[in-house]
Amino acid sequence: MNRRHLFTWASALLLSSSLLSAPAAWAQNVEAPDALVKRLSTELLDTIRSDPSLKAGDANRVMAIVNDKVMPHVNFARMTASTIGPAWRDATPTQRQQLQDAFKNLLVRTYAGALKQVGNQTLAVRPLRASPSDTEVVVNSEMQGGQGGPIQLDYRMQKMADGWKVYDINVMGVWMADSYRGQFAQAISSSGIDGLIKQLNDQARAAGKAS
């Protein structure tokens, strides 16, 4: 797995949404997708900047924050299924849960390192081209002020019964699910779904040590 790209995607999911603005007009009592990510990430950044354990990359604390503030707004089953690809249909319910847990653990361990780089980034957001009747939207943005120049960040979001949820992230023209599907398929081909689960868990441990 390309750890640098995973680090960037994890950072994007956790950090950049705090800077989204200009919510559109949506159906009454349904929070607009751009308004949702603005509120969520503003809370996240405030928490990160006021919590030394998060800034230090405490993985257990990061996991608690992710479970409390991020995961309720992510369709993680769809995100994992899209990343796994066709093999998801062949996985047992137990394996599907293990895949989600392993993938989330990997992302969280990567978040722990990403938090150390929280600074004064800003995000330029393009107008949201969608209507109140849409059930799937893409929020386009560009993060500025970080190391390495501007970073394109796009979010695929799905309207569900309990609100809008992120299910894929695009960094600099590459969607996360597309990027990892081939690598995961190769792991499944050589060692099966259980082998991929083990690989994800091993990578999570390595990411934790590196952070």
C-alpha atoms as a PDB file:
ATOM      1  CA  MET A   1       0.000   0.000   0.000  1.00  0.00           C
ATOM      2  CA  ASN A   2       1.190   3.544  -0.743  1.00  0.00           C
ATOM      3  CA  ARG A   3       1.391   4.910   2.794  1.00  0.00           C
ATOM      4  CA  ARG A   4       1.934   8.490   1.604  1.00  0.00           C
ATOM      5  CA  HIS A   5      -1.359   8.506  -0.299  1.00  0.00           C
ATOM      6  CA  LEU A   6      -3.216   6.853   2.564  1.00  0.00           C
ATOM      7  CA  PHE A   7      -1.813   9.499   4.914  1.00  0.00           C
ATOM      8  CA  THR A   8      -3.105  12.230   2.593  1.00  0.00           C
ATOM      9  CA  TRP A   9      -6.572  10.694   2.322  1.00  0.00           C
ATOM     10  CA  ALA A  10      -6.795  10.192   6.063  1.00  0.00           C
ATOM     11  CA  SER A  11      -5.763  13.794   6.647  1.00  0.00           C
ATOM     12  CA  ALA A  12      -8.341  14.971   4.139  1.00  0.00           C
ATOM     13  CA  LEU A  13     -11.170  13.046   5.738  1.00  0.00           C
ATOM     14  CA  LEU A  14     -10.343  14.276   9.202  1.00  0.00           C
ATOM     15  CA  LEU A  15      -9.111  17.821   8.648  1.00  0.00           C
ATOM     16  CA  SER A  16     -10.066  19.557   5.434  1.00  0.00           C
ATOM     17  CA  SER A  17     -13.806  19.394   5.827  1.00  0.00           C
ATOM     18  CA  SER A  18     -13.552  21.881   8.660  1.00  0.00           C
ATOM     19  CA  LEU A  19     -12.997  24.619   6.130  1.00  0.00           C
ATOM     20  CA  LEU A  20     -15.967  24.037   3.860  1.00  0.00           C
ATOM     21  CA  SER A  21     -18.404  26.937   3.672  1.00  0.00           C
ATOM     22  CA  ALA A  22     -21.396  28.492   1.904  1.00  0.00           C
ATOM     23  CA  PRO A  23     -24.076  25.840   2.486  1.00  0.00           C
ATOM     24  CA  ALA A  24     -26.735  25.464  -0.166  1.00  0.00           C
ATOM     25  CA  ALA A  25     -30.480  25.519   0.439  1.00  0.00           C
ATOM     26  CA  TRP A  26     -31.730  21.986   1.044  1.00  0.00           C
ATOM     27  CA  ALA A  27     -34.878  20.304   2.235  1.00  0.00           C
ATOM     28  CA  GLN A  28     -36.162  21.454   5.601  1.00  0.00           C
ATOM     29  CA  ASN A  29     -34.729  19.585   8.592  1.00  0.00           C
ATOM     30  CA  VAL A  30     -31.955  18.005   6.457  1.00  0.00           C
ATOM     31  CA  GLU A  31     -28.518  19.496   6.996  1.00  0.00           C
ATOM     32  CA  ALA A  32     -26.848  20.294   3.674  1.00  0.00           C
ATOM     33  CA  PRO A  33     -23.722  18.236   2.892  1.00  0.00           C
ATOM     34  CA  ASP A  34     -21.382  21.223   2.826  1.00  0.00           C
ATOM     35  CA  ALA A  35     -22.925  22.631   6.009  1.00  0.00           C
ATOM     36  CA  LEU A  36     -22.504  19.266   7.699  1.00  0.00           C
ATOM     37  CA  VAL A  37     -18.812  18.938   6.946  1.00  0.00           C
ATOM     38  CA  LYS A  38     -18.211  22.555   7.903  1.00  0.00           C
ATOM     39  CA  ARG A  39     -19.794  22.055  11.321  1.00  0.00           C
ATOM     40  CA  LEU A  40     -18.193  18.653  11.895  1.00  0.00           C
ATOM     41  CA  SER A  41     -14.687  19.657  11.029  1.00  0.00           C
ATOM     42  CA  THR A  42     -14.832  22.951  12.867  1.00  0.00           C
ATOM     43  CA  GLU A  43     -15.606  20.921  15.984  1.00  0.00           C
ATOM     44  CA  LEU A  44     -12.774  18.525  15.137  1.00  0.00           C
ATOM     45  CA  LEU A  45     -10.168  21.223  14.653  1.00  0.00           C
ATOM     46  CA  ASP A  46     -11.201  22.961  17.869  1.00  0.00           C
ATOM     47  CA  THR A  47     -10.883  19.650  19.697  1.00  0.00           C
ATOM     48  CA  ILE A  48      -7.506  18.845  18.157  1.00  0.00           C
ATOM     49  CA  ARG A  49      -6.015  22.243  18.933  1.00  0.00           C
ATOM     50  CA  SER A  50      -7.166  22.112  22.557  1.00  0.00           C
ATOM     51  CA  ASP A  51      -6.214  18.480  23.258  1.00  0.00           C
ATOM     52  CA  PRO A  52      -2.460  17.838  23.671  1.00  0.00           C
ATOM     53  CA  SER A  53      -2.944  14.071  23.466  1.00  0.00           C
ATOM     54  CA  LEU A  54      -4.424  14.411  19.982  1.00  0.00           C
ATOM     55  CA  LYS A  55      -1.641  16.691  18.807  1.00  0.00           C
ATOM     56  CA  ALA A  56       0.832  14.150  20.166  1.00  0.00           C
ATOM     57  CA  GLY A  57      -0.774  11.424  18.045  1.00  0.00           C
ATOM     58  CA  ASP A  58      -2.290   9.311  20.844  1.00  0.00           C
ATOM     59  CA  ALA A  59      -3.908   6.560  18.728  1.00  0.00           C
ATOM     60  CA  ASN A  60      -6.411   5.555  21.419  1.00  0.00           C
ATOM     61  CA  ARG A  61      -7.594   9.142  21.794  1.00  0.00           C
ATOM     62  CA  VAL A  62      -7.758   9.511  18.008  1.00  0.00           C
ATOM     63  CA  MET A  63      -9.885   6.355  17.789  1.00  0.00           C
ATOM     64  CA  ALA A  64     -12.289   7.745  20.387  1.00  0.00           C
ATOM     65  CA  ILE A  65     -12.659  11.051  18.511  1.00  0.00           C
ATOM     66  CA  VAL A  66     -13.069   9.319  15.147  1.00  0.00           C
ATOM     67  CA  ASN A  67     -15.741   6.981  16.497  1.00  0.00           C
ATOM     68  CA  ASP A  68     -17.561   9.850  18.200  1.00  0.00           C
ATOM     69  CA  LYS A  69     -17.357  12.622  15.611  1.00  0.00           C
ATOM     70  CA  VAL A  70     -16.321  11.193  12.225  1.00  0.00           C
ATOM     71  CA  MET A  71     -17.780   7.719  11.779  1.00  0.00           C
ATOM     72  CA  PRO A  72     -21.433   8.736  12.269  1.00  0.00           C
ATOM     73  CA  HIS A  73     -21.027  10.842   9.118  1.00  0.00           C
ATOM     74  CA  VAL A  74     -19.229   8.246   6.976  1.00  0.00           C
ATOM     75  CA  ASN A  75     -20.882   5.381   5.109  1.00  0.00           C
ATOM     76  CA  PHE A  76     -17.961   3.175   5.997  1.00  0.00           C
ATOM     77  CA  ALA A  77     -19.548  -0.025   4.784  1.00  0.00           C
ATOM     78  CA  ARG A  78     -19.901   1.483   1.305  1.00  0.00           C
ATOM     79  CA  MET A  79     -16.421   3.012   1.474  1.00  0.00           C
ATOM     80  CA  THR A  80     -14.885  -0.352   2.367  1.00  0.00           C
ATOM     81  CA  ALA A  81     -16.962  -2.257  -0.183  1.00  0.00           C
ATOM     82  CA  SER A  82     -15.940   0.156  -2.950  1.00  0.00           C
ATOM     83  CA  THR A  83     -12.299  -0.203  -2.003  1.00  0.00           C
ATOM     84  CA  ILE A  84     -12.435  -4.008  -1.821  1.00  0.00           C
ATOM     85  CA  GLY A  85     -14.246  -4.308  -5.154  1.00  0.00           C
ATOM     86  CA  PRO A  86     -16.066  -7.407  -6.466  1.00  0.00           C
ATOM     87  CA  ALA A  87     -14.613  -9.657  -3.761  1.00  0.00           C
ATOM     88  CA  TRP A  88     -16.823  -7.878  -1.220  1.00  0.00           C
ATOM     89  CA  ARG A  89     -19.801  -9.845  -2.550  1.00  0.00           C
ATOM     90  CA  ASP A  90     -18.036 -13.129  -1.730  1.00  0.00           C
ATOM     91  CA  ALA A  91     -17.062 -12.126   1.806  1.00  0.00           C
ATOM     92  CA  THR A  92     -19.034 -13.551   4.701  1.00  0.00           C
ATOM     93  CA  PRO A  93     -20.749 -11.143   7.110  1.00  0.00           C
ATOM     94  CA  THR A  94     -17.966 -11.818   9.614  1.00  0.00           C
ATOM     95  CA  GLN A  95     -15.262 -11.097   7.038  1.00  0.00           C
ATOM     96  CA  ARG A  96     -17.028  -7.896   5.973  1.00  0.00           C
ATOM     97  CA  GLN A  97     -17.031  -6.654   9.544  1.00  0.00           C
ATOM     98  CA  GLN A  98     -13.380  -7.644   9.954  1.00  0.00           C
ATOM     99  CA  LEU A  99     -12.483  -5.793   6.750  1.00  0.00           C
ATOM    100  CA  GLN A 100     -14.242  -2.656   7.971  1.00  0.00           C
ATOM    101  CA  ASP A 101     -12.570  -2.876  11.370  1.00  0.00           C
ATOM    102  CA  ALA A 102      -9.114  -3.456   9.869  1.00  0.00           C
ATOM    103  CA  PHE A 103      -9.478  -0.676   7.304  1.00  0.00           C
ATOM    104  CA  LYS A 104     -10.757   1.767   9.926  1.00  0.00           C
ATOM    105  CA  ASN A 105      -7.906   0.857  12.258  1.00  0.00           C
ATOM    106  CA  LEU A 106      -5.425   1.537   9.470  1.00  0.00           C
ATOM    107  CA  LEU A 107      -6.969   4.944   8.750  1.00  0.00           C
ATOM    108  CA  VAL A 108      -7.063   5.858  12.437  1.00  0.00           C
ATOM    109  CA  ARG A 109      -3.420   4.900  12.946  1.00  0.00           C
ATOM    110  CA  THR A 110      -2.639   7.158  10.008  1.00  0.00           C
ATOM    111  CA  TYR A 111      -4.778   9.950  11.508  1.00  0.00           C
ATOM    112  CA  ALA A 112      -2.574   9.841  14.588  1.00  0.00           C
ATOM    113  CA  GLY A 113       0.393  10.958  12.506  1.00  0.00           C
ATOM    114  CA  ALA A 114      -1.659  13.442  10.476  1.00  0.00           C
ATOM    115  CA  LEU A 115      -2.781  15.340  13.567  1.00  0.00           C
ATOM    116  CA  LYS A 116       0.762  16.445  14.266  1.00  0.00           C
ATOM    117  CA  GLN A 117       0.604  18.539  11.094  1.00  0.00           C
ATOM    118  CA  VAL A 118      -2.563  20.455  11.894  1.00  0.00           C
ATOM    119  CA  GLY A 119      -1.840  24.110  11.251  1.00  0.00           C
ATOM    120  CA  ASN A 120      -3.449  27.100   9.588  1.00  0.00           C
ATOM    121  CA  GLN A 121      -4.552  25.503   6.339  1.00  0.00           C
ATOM    122  CA  THR A 122      -7.345  27.120   4.356  1.00  0.00           C
ATOM    123  CA  LEU A 123      -9.711  25.619   1.816  1.00  0.00           C
ATOM    124  CA  ALA A 124     -11.133  27.203  -1.328  1.00  0.00           C
ATOM    125  CA  VAL A 125     -14.518  25.631  -2.050  1.00  0.00           C
ATOM    126  CA  ARG A 126     -16.146  25.600  -5.468  1.00  0.00           C
ATOM    127  CA  PRO A 127     -19.908  26.240  -5.620  1.00  0.00           C
ATOM    128  CA  LEU A 128     -21.891  23.090  -4.913  1.00  0.00           C
ATOM    129  CA  ARG A 129     -23.663  22.081  -8.119  1.00  0.00           C
ATOM    130  CA  ALA A 130     -26.607  20.135  -6.822  1.00  0.00           C
ATOM    131  CA  SER A 131     -30.312  20.437  -6.130  1.00  0.00           C
ATOM    132  CA  PRO A 132     -32.328  19.639  -2.999  1.00  0.00           C
ATOM    133  CA  SER A 133     -33.681  16.490  -4.688  1.00  0.00           C
ATOM    134  CA  ASP A 134     -30.215  14.978  -5.261  1.00  0.00           C
ATOM    135  CA  THR A 135     -29.247  11.963  -3.186  1.00  0.00           C
ATOM    136  CA  GLU A 136     -25.591  11.858  -4.278  1.00  0.00           C
ATOM    137  CA  VAL A 137     -23.314  14.892  -4.560  1.00  0.00           C
ATOM    138  CA  VAL A 138     -19.650  15.741  -4.983  1.00  0.00           C
ATOM    139  CA  VAL A 139     -18.186  18.617  -2.982  1.00  0.00           C
ATOM    140  CA  ASN A 140     -15.114  20.069  -4.732  1.00  0.00           C
ATOM    141  CA  SER A 141     -12.441  22.005  -2.884  1.00  0.00           C
ATOM    142  CA  GLU A 142      -8.744  22.867  -2.734  1.00  0.00           C
ATOM    143  CA  MET A 143      -6.672  22.932   0.425  1.00  0.00           C
ATOM    144  CA  GLN A 144      -4.127  25.732   0.562  1.00  0.00           C
ATOM    145  CA  GLY A 145      -1.347  26.651   2.933  1.00  0.00           C
ATOM    146  CA  GLY A 146       0.027  23.173   3.580  1.00  0.00           C
ATOM    147  CA  GLN A 147       3.393  21.733   2.687  1.00  0.00           C
ATOM    148  CA  GLY A 148       3.853  20.856  -0.976  1.00  0.00           C
ATOM    149  CA  GLY A 149       1.398  23.360  -2.429  1.00  0.00           C
ATOM    150  CA  PRO A 150      -2.379  23.258  -2.975  1.00  0.00           C
ATOM    151  CA  ILE A 151      -4.163  19.893  -2.780  1.00  0.00           C
ATOM    152  CA  GLN A 152      -7.361  19.104  -4.672  1.00  0.00           C
ATOM    153  CA  LEU A 153      -9.928  17.492  -2.364  1.00  0.00           C
ATOM    154  CA  ASP A 154     -13.314  16.193  -3.497  1.00  0.00           C
ATOM    155  CA  TYR A 155     -15.904  14.339  -1.436  1.00  0.00           C
ATOM    156  CA  ARG A 156     -18.520  11.902  -2.705  1.00  0.00           C
ATOM    157  CA  MET A 157     -21.493  12.029  -0.357  1.00  0.00           C
ATOM    158  CA  GLN A 158     -24.701  10.019  -0.160  1.00  0.00           C
ATOM    159  CA  LYS A 159     -27.991  11.118   1.360  1.00  0.00           C
ATOM    160  CA  MET A 160     -29.219   8.430   3.746  1.00  0.00           C
ATOM    161  CA  ALA A 161     -32.149   8.169   6.136  1.00  0.00           C
ATOM    162  CA  ASP A 162     -30.094   9.757   8.923  1.00  0.00           C
ATOM    163  CA  GLY A 163     -28.370  12.437   6.844  1.00  0.00           C
ATOM    164  CA  TRP A 164     -25.478  12.952   4.416  1.00  0.00           C
ATOM    165  CA  LYS A 165     -22.467  10.663   4.632  1.00  0.00           C
ATOM    166  CA  VAL A 166     -19.043  10.607   2.942  1.00  0.00           C
ATOM    167  CA  TYR A 167     -18.186   7.407   1.082  1.00  0.00           C
ATOM    168  CA  ASP A 168     -15.171   8.324  -1.087  1.00  0.00           C
ATOM    169  CA  ILE A 169     -12.454  10.982  -1.218  1.00  0.00           C
ATOM    170  CA  ASN A 170     -10.512  12.294  -4.195  1.00  0.00           C
ATOM    171  CA  VAL A 171      -7.013  13.678  -3.623  1.00  0.00           C
ATOM    172  CA  MET A 172      -5.359  15.388  -6.584  1.00  0.00           C
ATOM    173  CA  GLY A 173      -7.474  13.561  -9.168  1.00  0.00           C
ATOM    174  CA  VAL A 174      -7.335  10.069  -7.654  1.00  0.00           C
ATOM    175  CA  TRP A 175     -10.305   8.541  -5.838  1.00  0.00           C
ATOM    176  CA  MET A 176      -9.364   6.456  -2.800  1.00  0.00           C
ATOM    177  CA  ALA A 177     -11.524   3.468  -3.766  1.00  0.00           C
ATOM    178  CA  ASP A 178     -10.074   3.348  -7.285  1.00  0.00           C
ATOM    179  CA  SER A 179      -6.521   3.674  -6.032  1.00  0.00           C
ATOM    180  CA  TYR A 180      -6.642   0.766  -3.600  1.00  0.00           C
ATOM    181  CA  ARG A 181      -8.985  -1.601  -5.392  1.00  0.00           C
ATOM    182  CA  GLY A 182      -6.224  -3.082  -7.548  1.00  0.00           C
ATOM    183  CA  GLN A 183      -3.850  -3.520  -4.626  1.00  0.00           C
ATOM    184  CA  PHE A 184      -6.512  -5.147  -2.486  1.00  0.00           C
ATOM    185  CA  ALA A 185      -7.550  -7.410  -5.376  1.00  0.00           C
ATOM    186  CA  GLN A 186      -3.952  -8.576  -5.712  1.00  0.00           C
ATOM    187  CA  ALA A 187      -3.781  -9.399  -1.996  1.00  0.00           C
ATOM    188  CA  ILE A 188      -7.083 -11.286  -2.185  1.00  0.00           C
ATOM    189  CA  SER A 189      -5.925 -13.198  -5.252  1.00  0.00           C
ATOM    190  CA  SER A 190      -2.754 -14.364  -3.521  1.00  0.00           C
ATOM    191  CA  SER A 191      -4.008 -15.003   0.006  1.00  0.00           C
ATOM    192  CA  GLY A 192      -7.775 -14.592   0.076  1.00  0.00           C
ATOM    193  CA  ILE A 193      -9.939 -12.200   2.049  1.00  0.00           C
ATOM    194  CA  ASP A 194      -8.445 -13.393   5.340  1.00  0.00           C
ATOM    195  CA  GLY A 195      -5.029 -12.593   3.919  1.00  0.00           C
ATOM    196  CA  LEU A 196      -6.125  -9.051   3.096  1.00  0.00           C
ATOM    197  CA  ILE A 197      -7.503  -8.618   6.603  1.00  0.00           C
ATOM    198  CA  LYS A 198      -4.138  -9.681   8.018  1.00  0.00           C
ATOM    199  CA  GLN A 199      -2.324  -7.327   5.635  1.00  0.00           C
ATOM    200  CA  LEU A 200      -4.462  -4.373   6.711  1.00  0.00           C
ATOM    201  CA  ASN A 201      -3.886  -5.147  10.373  1.00  0.00           C
ATOM    202  CA  ASP A 202      -0.131  -5.465   9.793  1.00  0.00           C
ATOM    203  CA  GLN A 203      -0.079  -2.126   7.989  1.00  0.00           C
ATOM    204  CA  ALA A 204      -2.034  -0.512  10.809  1.00  0.00           C
ATOM    205  CA  ARG A 205       0.576  -1.693  13.308  1.00  0.00           C
ATOM    206  CA  ALA A 206       3.352  -0.373  11.082  1.00  0.00           C
ATOM    207  CA  ALA A 207       1.565   2.970  10.690  1.00  0.00           C
ATOM    208  CA  GLY A 208       1.186   3.190  14.466  1.00  0.00           C
ATOM    209  CA  LYS A 209       4.899   2.628  14.991  1.00  0.00           C
ATOM    210  CA  ALA A 210       5.820   5.159  12.302  1.00  0.00           C
ATOM    211  CA  SER A 211       3.592   7.864  13.757  1.00  0.00           C
END
